[in-house]
Amino acid sequence: MALLDIQSVSPQMNNDFNVRILNYKVVDEGKYALYTIQLTVDGYTWVVERRYSEFDAMDMRRFPDRKKSFLPPKKLIRNLDAEFLEERRMELEKYCRALLELEVWYQKQKKVNSLPLLTAKFFDFHQYEIHSIVDDLSVRLGGVGDEWLTSSESSPKYFEFTPIEMHAITERLRLPEPTAPDPRMVADLGNTVDFLHRVRALKVRGAKGYVGTSNIVWNSLTYSLHFCKNLLALWITDSDATKVHGLNTIKRTLRRLVVHYSMNNLEDLLLDKEQVLPIIEQEHWQCLEEVDFSFNDLKRIDESVRLLGDVQKLNISHNNVTEIGGYLQHLTCLTELDLSSNGITSVQHWNQLLGNLKKLILANNAIKDASGLSRMYSLEYLDLRYNAIETLDSVYPLGSLPCLEALHLKGNPIRKIVEYRTRLLEGFGERSWEVKLDGKAPDDRERDTIRLRMALRRAREEKEEKERKRREKIEERIRYISGDICRLSEELDSS
């Protein structure tokens, strides 16, 4: 990440701090020319495109006393000739170099560590350089931060930062510098720190590839959240979870955690990277109620999941999990689990791991047999859509679940079975009309069919029971007769 150390930078530009205008191009059907400016700071580079009118507008604001301006003058006639544009390119490059060298000299005299925001924003320092990023943030948050925080109390919403901004704040706080770059306190770092102390919902959105036109990689920079003292909700997306530090503070306050497109392993985020203690001894997330780890590249649920403490809702959908392992059993308060769109094939013995679940979503997996869920007696909602369930025997045992109210089987081959709804609902016995199958309760015709099937089943069972008792009596009589014969034989032998 670019860091312009004004107090130590050379007064004359060099390889560590430089500006060049690489080329120009005529755009908008020959109406004007754009100049491509390349900035270099501490090994990082980026480019900015500006037309002459933008140079002129910035120069007017920077030098209200036009006698101090050294911008090349306007030309109204033949100002798009190739020869003129090349000459203008060299003149503007000299202007850029002189302007930045002048700003550095002025700031050194005032013992200020960052460029003036006017100049910084013209050259896009506020997108790529630590001081300017934080100064720009501080100005904006000083103006709208309080208003946004107040409005978010009545209508909760996330305030969004980028990993670049979070990294810049983290690094800026480490520098032994005053919080404000000038006596007027316009860009006071305290505005940003105060906002982060008070914000309740924070979103960090990264991206793939490079930041803008620079050679800075979006997700290559670490950042800390230790200054978020009252955070209730955190949403990280399109980032790298291994780059997030300082989580101990939010472990004591956070209620909702969302991480998308940012993890290969749960421990990338959940484990304290500076701790050497066993997982069981590390600090747990004390207030978490809801966790959403969907749309990542998780292949297993590792032991670090134990650190989620008393979480009630857990979403691990749209990953590459094939089995749940044995660690979810430690989440004793877990009532809702979403494992849809993974690679799960078996649910055998899940009752030993997820005994308290009320809602289980397993859509878009490769499950063939759901009978392993028949002892999860707390289940109220079960989603098995778009799996590979073919036979009634593989789901009929679910009828023993006393609390189940909703069962979804859309997209399974089993739906091709004639009268599959009534035959399946029959398994719930007297509760069959309380259960919604595929979002629909049984209609009158289905209820009549179920009643008839249940009556026939009871009649068959009664008949089988009578036959069983009859056979038992016959067998008992045979044993009795056999006993009499044995005793008679013994008496004859003894005589």
Protein backbone atom coordinates (compact mmCIF):
# COMPACT_ATOMS: atom_id res chain seq x y z
CA MET A 1 0.00 0.00 0.00
CA ALA A 2 1.39 3.40 -0.97
CA LEU A 3 2.66 5.57 1.90
CA LEU A 4 4.03 9.02 1.11
CA ASP A 5 6.29 9.99 4.01
CA ILE A 6 6.49 13.71 3.36
CA GLN A 7 8.95 14.42 6.15
CA SER A 8 11.55 12.05 4.71
CA VAL A 9 10.84 12.17 0.98
CA SER A 10 13.44 13.81 -1.24
CA PRO A 11 12.65 17.41 -2.25
CA GLN A 12 13.40 16.39 -5.82
CA MET A 13 11.46 13.56 -7.42
CA ASN A 14 13.14 10.16 -7.73
CA ASN A 15 12.19 6.52 -8.24
CA ASP A 16 10.31 6.38 -4.90
CA PHE A 17 8.17 9.42 -5.63
CA ASN A 18 7.56 10.43 -9.21
CA VAL A 19 4.99 11.61 -11.72
CA ARG A 20 4.98 11.26 -15.50
CA ILE A 21 2.51 11.88 -18.27
CA LEU A 22 2.84 8.79 -20.39
CA ASN A 23 0.72 9.76 -23.38
CA TYR A 24 -2.43 11.45 -24.58
CA LYS A 25 -5.45 10.39 -26.60
CA VAL A 26 -8.11 12.32 -28.46
CA VAL A 27 -11.61 11.18 -27.42
CA ASP A 28 -15.29 11.90 -27.93
CA GLU A 29 -14.96 12.12 -31.70
CA GLY A 30 -12.08 14.59 -31.57
CA LYS A 31 -13.60 17.04 -29.08
CA TYR A 32 -10.82 16.97 -26.49
CA ALA A 33 -7.64 15.20 -25.38
CA LEU A 34 -7.07 13.08 -22.28
CA TYR A 35 -3.61 12.95 -20.69
CA THR A 36 -2.54 9.75 -18.92
CA ILE A 37 -0.68 10.60 -15.70
CA GLN A 38 1.35 7.92 -13.92
CA LEU A 39 2.08 8.34 -10.20
CA THR A 40 4.74 6.35 -8.33
CA VAL A 41 4.91 6.25 -4.53
CA ASP A 42 7.11 3.82 -2.63
CA GLY A 43 7.05 1.19 -5.39
CA TYR A 44 3.31 1.44 -6.03
CA THR A 45 2.00 2.98 -9.24
CA TRP A 46 -1.35 4.11 -10.61
CA VAL A 47 -2.56 6.19 -13.52
CA VAL A 48 -5.04 9.04 -13.74
CA GLU A 49 -6.62 10.47 -16.87
CA ARG A 50 -7.27 14.21 -16.95
CA ARG A 51 -8.21 16.68 -19.67
CA TYR A 52 -6.79 20.19 -19.78
CA SER A 53 -10.00 21.76 -18.46
CA GLU A 54 -9.63 19.67 -15.28
CA PHE A 55 -6.07 20.91 -14.85
CA ASP A 56 -7.35 24.44 -15.28
CA ALA A 57 -10.20 24.03 -12.77
CA MET A 58 -7.90 22.56 -10.14
CA ASP A 59 -5.28 25.24 -10.73
CA MET A 60 -7.90 27.99 -10.30
CA ARG A 61 -8.77 26.59 -6.87
CA ARG A 62 -5.18 25.95 -5.86
CA PHE A 63 -3.89 29.37 -6.98
CA PRO A 64 -6.70 31.93 -6.68
CA ASP A 65 -3.98 34.53 -7.16
CA ARG A 66 -3.41 33.83 -10.85
CA LYS A 67 0.01 35.47 -10.73
CA LYS A 68 1.27 32.44 -8.80
CA SER A 69 -0.01 29.93 -11.32
CA PHE A 70 2.45 28.20 -13.60
CA LEU A 71 -0.04 26.14 -15.62
CA PRO A 72 0.59 26.29 -19.39
CA PRO A 73 -1.96 28.71 -20.93
CA LYS A 74 -5.00 27.65 -22.93
CA LYS A 75 -4.91 27.48 -26.70
CA LEU A 76 -8.18 27.86 -28.58
CA ILE A 77 -7.04 27.27 -32.18
CA ARG A 78 -5.57 24.01 -33.49
CA ASN A 79 -5.33 22.71 -29.92
CA LEU A 80 -5.73 19.08 -31.03
CA ASP A 81 -2.81 19.02 -33.47
CA ALA A 82 -0.47 16.13 -32.74
CA GLU A 83 2.58 18.38 -32.52
CA PHE A 84 0.84 20.72 -30.08
CA LEU A 85 -0.52 17.88 -27.94
CA GLU A 86 2.94 16.36 -27.57
CA GLU A 87 4.34 19.74 -26.56
CA ARG A 88 1.41 20.22 -24.14
CA ARG A 89 2.05 16.74 -22.68
CA MET A 90 5.63 17.68 -21.77
CA GLU A 91 4.52 21.04 -20.34
CA LEU A 92 1.83 19.43 -18.19
CA GLU A 93 4.30 16.84 -16.93
CA LYS A 94 6.60 19.64 -15.78
CA TYR A 95 3.58 21.31 -14.16
CA CYS A 96 2.65 18.11 -12.28
CA ARG A 97 6.19 17.61 -11.03
CA ALA A 98 6.54 21.23 -9.95
CA LEU A 99 3.13 21.22 -8.24
CA LEU A 100 3.79 18.07 -6.23
CA GLU A 101 7.31 19.17 -5.27
CA LEU A 102 5.87 22.51 -4.15
CA GLU A 103 3.15 20.81 -2.07
CA VAL A 104 5.71 18.55 -0.41
CA TRP A 105 7.91 21.53 0.42
CA TYR A 106 4.97 23.50 1.88
CA GLN A 107 3.80 20.56 3.98
CA LYS A 108 7.32 19.96 5.28
CA GLN A 109 7.51 23.56 6.42
CA LYS A 110 4.21 23.16 8.28
CA LYS A 111 5.26 19.74 9.63
CA VAL A 112 2.20 18.16 8.02
CA ASN A 113 2.47 14.55 6.91
CA SER A 114 -0.07 14.43 4.06
CA LEU A 115 -0.76 16.30 0.84
CA PRO A 116 -3.54 18.91 0.73
CA LEU A 117 -6.74 17.08 -0.20
CA LEU A 118 -7.35 19.27 -3.26
CA THR A 119 -4.08 18.17 -4.85
CA ALA A 120 -4.31 14.65 -3.48
CA LYS A 121 -7.74 14.05 -5.00
CA PHE A 122 -6.71 15.48 -8.37
CA PHE A 123 -3.98 12.83 -8.57
CA ASP A 124 -6.16 10.12 -6.92
CA PHE A 125 -3.96 9.82 -3.84
CA HIS A 126 -7.22 9.43 -1.88
CA GLN A 127 -7.70 6.03 -3.53
CA TYR A 128 -4.21 4.57 -3.18
CA GLU A 129 -2.13 6.37 -0.52
CA ILE A 130 -2.61 5.83 3.22
CA HIS A 131 -2.59 9.45 4.47
CA SER A 132 -4.87 10.75 1.74
CA ILE A 133 -7.32 7.84 2.04
CA VAL A 134 -7.72 8.47 5.77
CA ASP A 135 -7.89 12.26 5.36
CA ASP A 136 -10.65 11.91 2.78
CA LEU A 137 -12.56 9.45 4.99
CA SER A 138 -12.20 11.71 8.00
CA VAL A 139 -13.58 14.71 6.11
CA ARG A 140 -16.57 12.70 4.86
CA LEU A 141 -17.30 11.08 8.22
CA GLY A 142 -16.92 14.40 9.98
CA GLY A 143 -19.68 15.72 7.74
CA VAL A 144 -22.14 12.83 7.55
CA GLY A 145 -21.03 10.33 10.20
CA ASP A 146 -23.25 11.53 13.05
CA GLU A 147 -26.28 11.87 10.79
CA TRP A 148 -25.79 8.37 9.38
CA LEU A 149 -25.36 6.81 12.82
CA THR A 150 -28.53 8.52 14.06
CA SER A 151 -30.60 7.37 11.08
CA SER A 152 -29.28 3.80 11.39
CA GLU A 153 -30.70 3.55 14.91
CA SER A 154 -34.26 3.71 13.57
CA SER A 155 -33.52 1.87 10.30
CA PRO A 156 -30.59 -0.56 10.77
CA LYS A 157 -28.17 -0.67 7.82
CA TYR A 158 -24.54 -1.49 7.07
CA PHE A 159 -21.89 1.18 6.56
CA GLU A 160 -19.52 -0.04 3.86
CA PHE A 161 -15.72 0.21 3.77
CA THR A 162 -13.19 -1.42 1.45
CA PRO A 163 -10.21 -3.50 2.64
CA ILE A 164 -8.02 -0.69 1.28
CA GLU A 165 -9.72 1.86 3.53
CA MET A 166 -9.59 -0.45 6.55
CA HIS A 167 -5.89 -1.15 5.92
CA ALA A 168 -5.18 2.58 5.58
CA ILE A 169 -6.93 3.31 8.89
CA THR A 170 -5.04 0.48 10.61
CA GLU A 171 -1.66 1.66 9.31
CA ARG A 172 -2.40 5.34 9.95
CA LEU A 173 -3.16 4.63 13.61
CA ARG A 174 0.25 3.01 13.96
CA LEU A 175 2.11 6.09 12.74
CA PRO A 176 3.50 8.46 15.42
CA GLU A 177 1.69 11.46 13.93
CA PRO A 178 -0.96 13.95 15.07
CA THR A 179 -4.56 12.95 14.35
CA ALA A 180 -5.17 16.05 12.21
CA PRO A 181 -2.95 17.15 9.30
CA ASP A 182 -3.61 20.88 9.86
CA PRO A 183 -4.62 23.20 12.74
CA ARG A 184 -8.16 23.62 11.36
CA MET A 185 -8.83 19.92 12.16
CA VAL A 186 -10.72 19.51 8.87
CA ALA A 187 -9.43 15.99 8.25
CA ASP A 188 -9.20 14.82 11.85
CA LEU A 189 -8.52 11.09 12.18
CA GLY A 190 -10.58 11.27 15.36
CA ASN A 191 -13.71 11.53 13.19
CA THR A 192 -12.99 8.12 11.68
CA VAL A 193 -12.01 6.48 14.96
CA ASP A 194 -15.09 7.87 16.72
CA PHE A 195 -17.32 6.60 13.91
CA LEU A 196 -15.83 3.11 14.10
CA HIS A 197 -16.24 3.10 17.87
CA ARG A 198 -19.96 3.84 17.50
CA VAL A 199 -21.00 2.04 14.31
CA ARG A 200 -23.23 -1.00 14.92
CA ALA A 201 -23.23 -2.64 11.46
CA LEU A 202 -20.12 -2.71 9.26
CA LYS A 203 -19.58 -4.15 5.79
CA VAL A 204 -16.14 -4.71 4.23
CA ARG A 205 -16.37 -5.31 0.48
CA GLY A 206 -13.26 -6.25 -1.48
CA ALA A 207 -12.84 -7.30 -5.10
CA LYS A 208 -10.72 -9.50 -7.32
CA GLY A 209 -7.61 -8.30 -9.12
CA TYR A 210 -6.02 -4.88 -8.76
CA VAL A 211 -7.32 -1.72 -7.13
CA GLY A 212 -8.40 0.65 -9.88
CA THR A 213 -5.49 1.45 -12.17
CA SER A 214 -2.81 0.62 -9.59
CA ASN A 215 -0.56 -2.38 -9.00
CA ILE A 216 -2.08 -2.86 -5.52
CA VAL A 217 -3.84 -6.22 -5.17
CA TRP A 218 -7.29 -5.83 -3.63
CA ASN A 219 -7.16 -8.61 -1.07
CA SER A 220 -3.46 -8.59 -0.22
CA LEU A 221 -3.61 -6.13 2.67
CA THR A 222 -4.21 -6.92 6.34
CA TYR A 223 -6.48 -4.80 8.52
CA SER A 224 -7.70 -4.74 12.10
CA LEU A 225 -11.17 -4.42 13.64
CA HIS A 226 -9.99 -3.82 17.19
CA PHE A 227 -11.28 -0.23 17.16
CA CYS A 228 -14.89 -1.38 16.48
CA LYS A 229 -15.98 -1.30 20.10
CA ASN A 230 -19.77 -1.63 19.73
CA LEU A 231 -20.19 -3.69 16.57
CA LEU A 232 -23.32 -5.86 16.43
CA ALA A 233 -23.19 -6.99 12.78
CA LEU A 234 -20.21 -7.62 10.48
CA TRP A 235 -20.42 -8.49 6.77
CA ILE A 236 -17.24 -9.42 4.88
CA THR A 237 -17.51 -10.15 1.16
CA ASP A 238 -15.15 -10.64 -1.80
CA SER A 239 -12.17 -10.44 0.54
CA ASP A 240 -9.58 -12.69 2.17
CA ALA A 241 -10.58 -13.70 5.69
CA THR A 242 -6.97 -14.50 6.59
CA LYS A 243 -6.18 -10.77 6.38
CA VAL A 244 -8.62 -9.79 9.14
CA HIS A 245 -7.08 -9.19 12.58
CA GLY A 246 -8.11 -7.70 15.90
CA LEU A 247 -11.26 -9.79 16.36
CA ASN A 248 -11.08 -10.13 20.14
CA THR A 249 -12.98 -6.88 20.66
CA ILE A 250 -15.91 -7.78 18.44
CA LYS A 251 -16.08 -11.31 19.88
CA ARG A 252 -17.65 -9.72 22.95
CA THR A 253 -20.34 -7.71 21.12
CA LEU A 254 -21.11 -9.20 17.69
CA ARG A 255 -24.54 -10.79 17.16
CA ARG A 256 -24.55 -11.35 13.39
CA LEU A 257 -21.59 -12.45 11.26
CA VAL A 258 -21.72 -12.78 7.47
CA VAL A 259 -18.77 -13.88 5.31
CA HIS A 260 -19.19 -14.43 1.55
CA TYR A 261 -16.58 -15.28 -1.13
CA SER A 262 -13.74 -14.91 1.38
CA MET A 263 -12.87 -18.26 3.04
CA ASN A 264 -11.39 -21.65 2.25
CA ASN A 265 -11.48 -22.81 5.87
CA LEU A 266 -13.50 -21.74 8.90
CA GLU A 267 -10.30 -21.35 10.88
CA ASP A 268 -9.17 -18.66 8.41
CA LEU A 269 -11.43 -16.28 10.31
CA LEU A 270 -12.43 -17.93 13.56
CA LEU A 271 -9.01 -18.87 14.93
CA ASP A 272 -6.93 -16.21 16.63
CA LYS A 273 -3.81 -16.09 14.48
CA GLU A 274 -1.67 -14.95 17.42
CA GLN A 275 -2.87 -17.63 19.86
CA VAL A 276 -1.06 -20.91 20.47
CA LEU A 277 -3.68 -22.26 22.88
CA PRO A 278 -5.82 -25.28 21.97
CA ILE A 279 -9.10 -24.30 20.32
CA ILE A 280 -11.16 -25.31 23.34
CA GLU A 281 -9.22 -22.79 25.47
CA GLN A 282 -9.45 -19.85 23.06
CA GLU A 283 -11.95 -17.06 23.60
CA HIS A 284 -15.40 -17.86 22.20
CA TRP A 285 -17.69 -15.48 20.33
CA GLN A 286 -19.87 -14.59 23.27
CA CYS A 287 -22.96 -12.95 21.74
CA LEU A 288 -23.31 -14.49 18.28
CA GLU A 289 -26.87 -15.43 17.33
CA GLU A 290 -26.67 -15.77 13.54
CA VAL A 291 -23.74 -16.78 11.30
CA ASP A 292 -23.80 -16.87 7.49
CA PHE A 293 -20.80 -18.52 5.82
CA SER A 294 -22.55 -19.23 2.51
CA PHE A 295 -20.89 -18.76 -0.90
CA ASN A 296 -17.35 -19.62 0.15
CA ASP A 297 -15.06 -22.55 -0.71
CA LEU A 298 -15.41 -24.55 2.49
CA LYS A 299 -14.75 -28.27 2.13
CA ARG A 300 -15.20 -29.29 5.75
CA ILE A 301 -16.47 -28.02 9.07
CA ASP A 302 -13.33 -27.90 11.19
CA GLU A 303 -12.93 -27.72 14.96
CA SER A 304 -12.84 -23.92 15.02
CA VAL A 305 -16.64 -23.96 14.62
CA ARG A 306 -16.75 -24.65 18.37
CA LEU A 307 -15.73 -21.04 18.95
CA LEU A 308 -19.13 -19.84 17.68
CA GLY A 309 -20.47 -20.42 21.18
CA ASP A 310 -24.24 -20.07 21.55
CA VAL A 311 -25.02 -19.39 17.88
CA GLN A 312 -28.62 -20.23 16.98
CA LYS A 313 -28.63 -19.95 13.17
CA LEU A 314 -25.82 -21.23 10.96
CA ASN A 315 -25.74 -21.01 7.16
CA ILE A 316 -23.02 -22.95 5.31
CA SER A 317 -24.88 -23.24 2.00
CA HIS A 318 -23.22 -22.97 -1.43
CA ASN A 319 -19.89 -24.47 -0.39
CA ASN A 320 -18.18 -27.81 -1.08
CA VAL A 321 -18.92 -29.64 2.17
CA THR A 322 -19.40 -33.41 1.76
CA GLU A 323 -19.84 -34.38 5.43
CA ILE A 324 -20.46 -32.40 8.59
CA GLY A 325 -17.86 -34.03 10.84
CA GLY A 326 -18.26 -34.22 14.60
CA TYR A 327 -17.87 -30.65 15.83
CA LEU A 328 -21.36 -29.22 15.32
CA GLN A 329 -22.54 -31.19 18.35
CA HIS A 330 -20.77 -28.62 20.52
CA LEU A 331 -23.14 -25.87 19.30
CA THR A 332 -25.80 -26.79 21.82
CA CYS A 333 -28.00 -23.75 21.10
CA LEU A 334 -28.10 -24.32 17.33
CA THR A 335 -31.71 -24.52 16.08
CA GLU A 336 -31.38 -23.65 12.37
CA LEU A 337 -28.83 -25.09 9.94
CA ASP A 338 -28.61 -24.47 6.19
CA LEU A 339 -26.36 -26.87 4.27
CA SER A 340 -28.00 -26.49 0.87
CA SER A 341 -25.96 -26.58 -2.35
CA ASN A 342 -23.07 -28.67 -1.06
CA GLY A 343 -21.97 -32.23 -1.86
CA ILE A 344 -23.59 -34.14 1.01
CA THR A 345 -24.56 -37.75 0.23
CA SER A 346 -25.32 -39.28 3.65
CA VAL A 347 -27.22 -38.12 6.75
CA GLN A 348 -26.83 -41.26 8.84
CA HIS A 349 -26.59 -40.76 12.63
CA TRP A 350 -27.05 -37.00 12.38
CA ASN A 351 -29.35 -37.14 15.40
CA GLN A 352 -26.24 -37.70 17.52
CA LEU A 353 -24.74 -34.42 16.27
CA LEU A 354 -27.72 -32.14 15.70
CA GLY A 355 -30.23 -33.23 18.28
CA ASN A 356 -31.68 -29.77 19.01
CA LEU A 357 -32.28 -28.60 15.44
CA LYS A 358 -35.71 -27.23 14.56
CA LYS A 359 -34.98 -26.21 10.97
CA LEU A 360 -32.70 -28.11 8.57
CA ILE A 361 -32.15 -27.15 4.92
CA LEU A 362 -30.42 -29.74 2.73
CA ALA A 363 -31.63 -28.73 -0.73
CA ASN A 364 -29.38 -29.25 -3.77
CA ASN A 365 -27.21 -32.05 -2.43
CA ALA A 366 -26.89 -35.72 -3.46
CA ILE A 367 -28.83 -37.43 -0.66
CA LYS A 368 -30.52 -40.74 -1.55
CA ASP A 369 -31.74 -41.85 1.87
CA ALA A 370 -33.19 -39.47 4.49
CA SER A 371 -34.14 -42.12 7.02
CA GLY A 372 -31.09 -41.16 9.09
CA LEU A 373 -32.97 -38.02 10.14
CA SER A 374 -35.87 -39.96 11.66
CA ARG A 375 -34.59 -39.53 15.22
CA MET A 376 -34.14 -35.76 15.10
CA TYR A 377 -37.23 -35.33 17.20
CA SER A 378 -37.04 -31.52 17.48
CA LEU A 379 -37.26 -30.95 13.70
CA GLU A 380 -40.12 -28.71 12.60
CA TYR A 381 -38.93 -27.84 9.08
CA LEU A 382 -36.99 -30.09 6.69
CA ASP A 383 -35.99 -29.08 3.15
CA LEU A 384 -34.74 -31.91 0.93
CA ARG A 385 -35.47 -30.38 -2.46
CA TYR A 386 -33.38 -31.36 -5.49
CA ASN A 387 -31.63 -34.40 -4.05
CA ALA A 388 -31.59 -38.02 -5.31
CA ILE A 389 -34.38 -39.54 -3.20
CA GLU A 390 -36.15 -42.25 -5.22
CA THR A 391 -38.06 -44.56 -2.85
CA LEU A 392 -40.71 -44.14 -0.17
CA ASP A 393 -38.68 -46.32 2.19
CA SER A 394 -35.94 -43.67 2.23
CA VAL A 395 -38.27 -40.98 3.64
CA TYR A 396 -41.20 -42.90 5.17
CA PRO A 397 -39.45 -43.13 8.60
CA LEU A 398 -39.67 -39.32 8.83
CA GLY A 399 -43.28 -39.87 9.82
CA SER A 400 -42.01 -40.63 13.33
CA LEU A 401 -40.88 -37.02 13.83
CA PRO A 402 -43.44 -35.63 16.30
CA CYS A 403 -42.84 -31.91 15.62
CA LEU A 404 -42.32 -31.86 11.84
CA GLU A 405 -44.66 -29.35 10.17
CA ALA A 406 -43.04 -28.77 6.76
CA LEU A 407 -41.31 -31.23 4.44
CA HIS A 408 -40.01 -30.26 0.98
CA LEU A 409 -39.15 -32.90 -1.63
CA LYS A 410 -39.53 -31.00 -4.89
CA GLY A 411 -37.01 -32.00 -7.55
CA ASN A 412 -36.55 -35.60 -6.29
CA PRO A 413 -37.31 -38.73 -8.38
CA ILE A 414 -39.70 -39.88 -5.64
CA ARG A 415 -42.30 -37.42 -6.89
CA LYS A 416 -42.82 -39.63 -9.95
CA ILE A 417 -44.35 -42.36 -7.77
CA VAL A 418 -48.12 -42.60 -8.19
CA GLU A 419 -49.96 -41.10 -5.20
CA TYR A 420 -46.63 -40.29 -3.58
CA ARG A 421 -48.13 -37.51 -1.46
CA THR A 422 -50.79 -39.64 0.18
CA ARG A 423 -48.49 -42.63 0.57
CA LEU A 424 -45.84 -40.49 2.24
CA LEU A 425 -48.22 -38.47 4.43
CA GLU A 426 -49.78 -41.72 5.60
CA GLY A 427 -46.55 -42.30 7.53
CA PHE A 428 -47.41 -39.37 9.82
CA GLY A 429 -50.56 -41.12 11.00
CA GLU A 430 -53.08 -38.89 12.77
CA ARG A 431 -50.70 -35.91 12.26
CA SER A 432 -50.77 -36.18 8.48
CA TRP A 433 -53.08 -33.15 8.03
CA GLU A 434 -50.77 -31.03 10.19
CA VAL A 435 -47.84 -31.55 7.81
CA LYS A 436 -47.27 -29.42 4.72
CA LEU A 437 -45.62 -31.45 1.97
CA ASP A 438 -43.91 -29.29 -0.68
CA GLY A 439 -45.58 -26.23 0.82
CA LYS A 440 -49.10 -27.65 0.61
CA ALA A 441 -51.27 -29.26 3.27
CA PRO A 442 -53.32 -32.31 2.18
CA ASP A 443 -56.62 -31.37 0.52
CA ASP A 444 -59.95 -33.09 1.22
CA ARG A 445 -59.42 -35.78 -1.41
CA GLU A 446 -55.96 -36.56 -0.09
CA ARG A 447 -57.24 -36.66 3.48
CA ASP A 448 -59.96 -39.12 2.48
CA THR A 449 -57.37 -41.26 0.72
CA ILE A 450 -55.08 -41.12 3.73
CA ARG A 451 -57.94 -42.07 6.07
CA LEU A 452 -58.81 -45.01 3.83
CA ARG A 453 -55.19 -46.12 3.65
CA MET A 454 -54.82 -45.80 7.41
CA ALA A 455 -58.05 -47.78 7.97
CA LEU A 456 -56.86 -50.50 5.62
CA ARG A 457 -53.49 -50.52 7.32
CA ARG A 458 -55.07 -50.78 10.76
CA ALA A 459 -57.33 -53.60 9.54
CA ARG A 460 -54.31 -55.36 8.09
CA GLU A 461 -52.34 -54.82 11.28
CA GLU A 462 -55.26 -56.08 13.41
CA LYS A 463 -55.57 -59.14 11.21
CA GLU A 464 -51.84 -59.73 11.44
CA GLU A 465 -52.02 -59.27 15.21
CA LYS A 466 -54.86 -61.80 15.51
CA GLU A 467 -52.96 -64.22 13.32
CA ARG A 468 -49.85 -63.71 15.46
CA LYS A 469 -51.78 -64.40 18.66
CA ARG A 470 -53.44 -67.45 17.11
CA ARG A 471 -50.05 -68.83 16.17
CA GLU A 472 -48.71 -68.11 19.63
CA LYS A 473 -51.60 -70.07 21.17
CA ILE A 474 -50.99 -72.96 18.79
CA GLU A 475 -47.29 -72.92 19.58
CA GLU A 476 -48.06 -72.75 23.30
CA ARG A 477 -50.46 -75.67 23.00
CA ILE A 478 -47.87 -77.65 21.05
CA ARG A 479 -45.27 -76.93 23.74
CA TYR A 480 -47.78 -77.99 26.42
CA ILE A 481 -48.62 -81.23 24.62
CA SER A 482 -44.93 -81.87 23.98
CA GLY A 483 -44.29 -81.42 27.70
CA ASP A 484 -47.02 -83.93 28.63
CA ILE A 485 -45.62 -86.47 26.18
CA CYS A 486 -42.12 -86.03 27.60
CA ARG A 487 -43.33 -86.55 31.18
CA LEU A 488 -45.34 -89.65 30.18
CA SER A 489 -42.30 -91.08 28.43
CA GLU A 490 -40.15 -90.52 31.50
CA GLU A 491 -42.72 -92.25 33.74
CA LEU A 492 -42.83 -95.25 31.43
CA ASP A 493 -39.05 -95.47 31.36
CA SER A 494 -38.80 -95.37 35.15
CA SER A 495 -41.39 -98.13 35.61
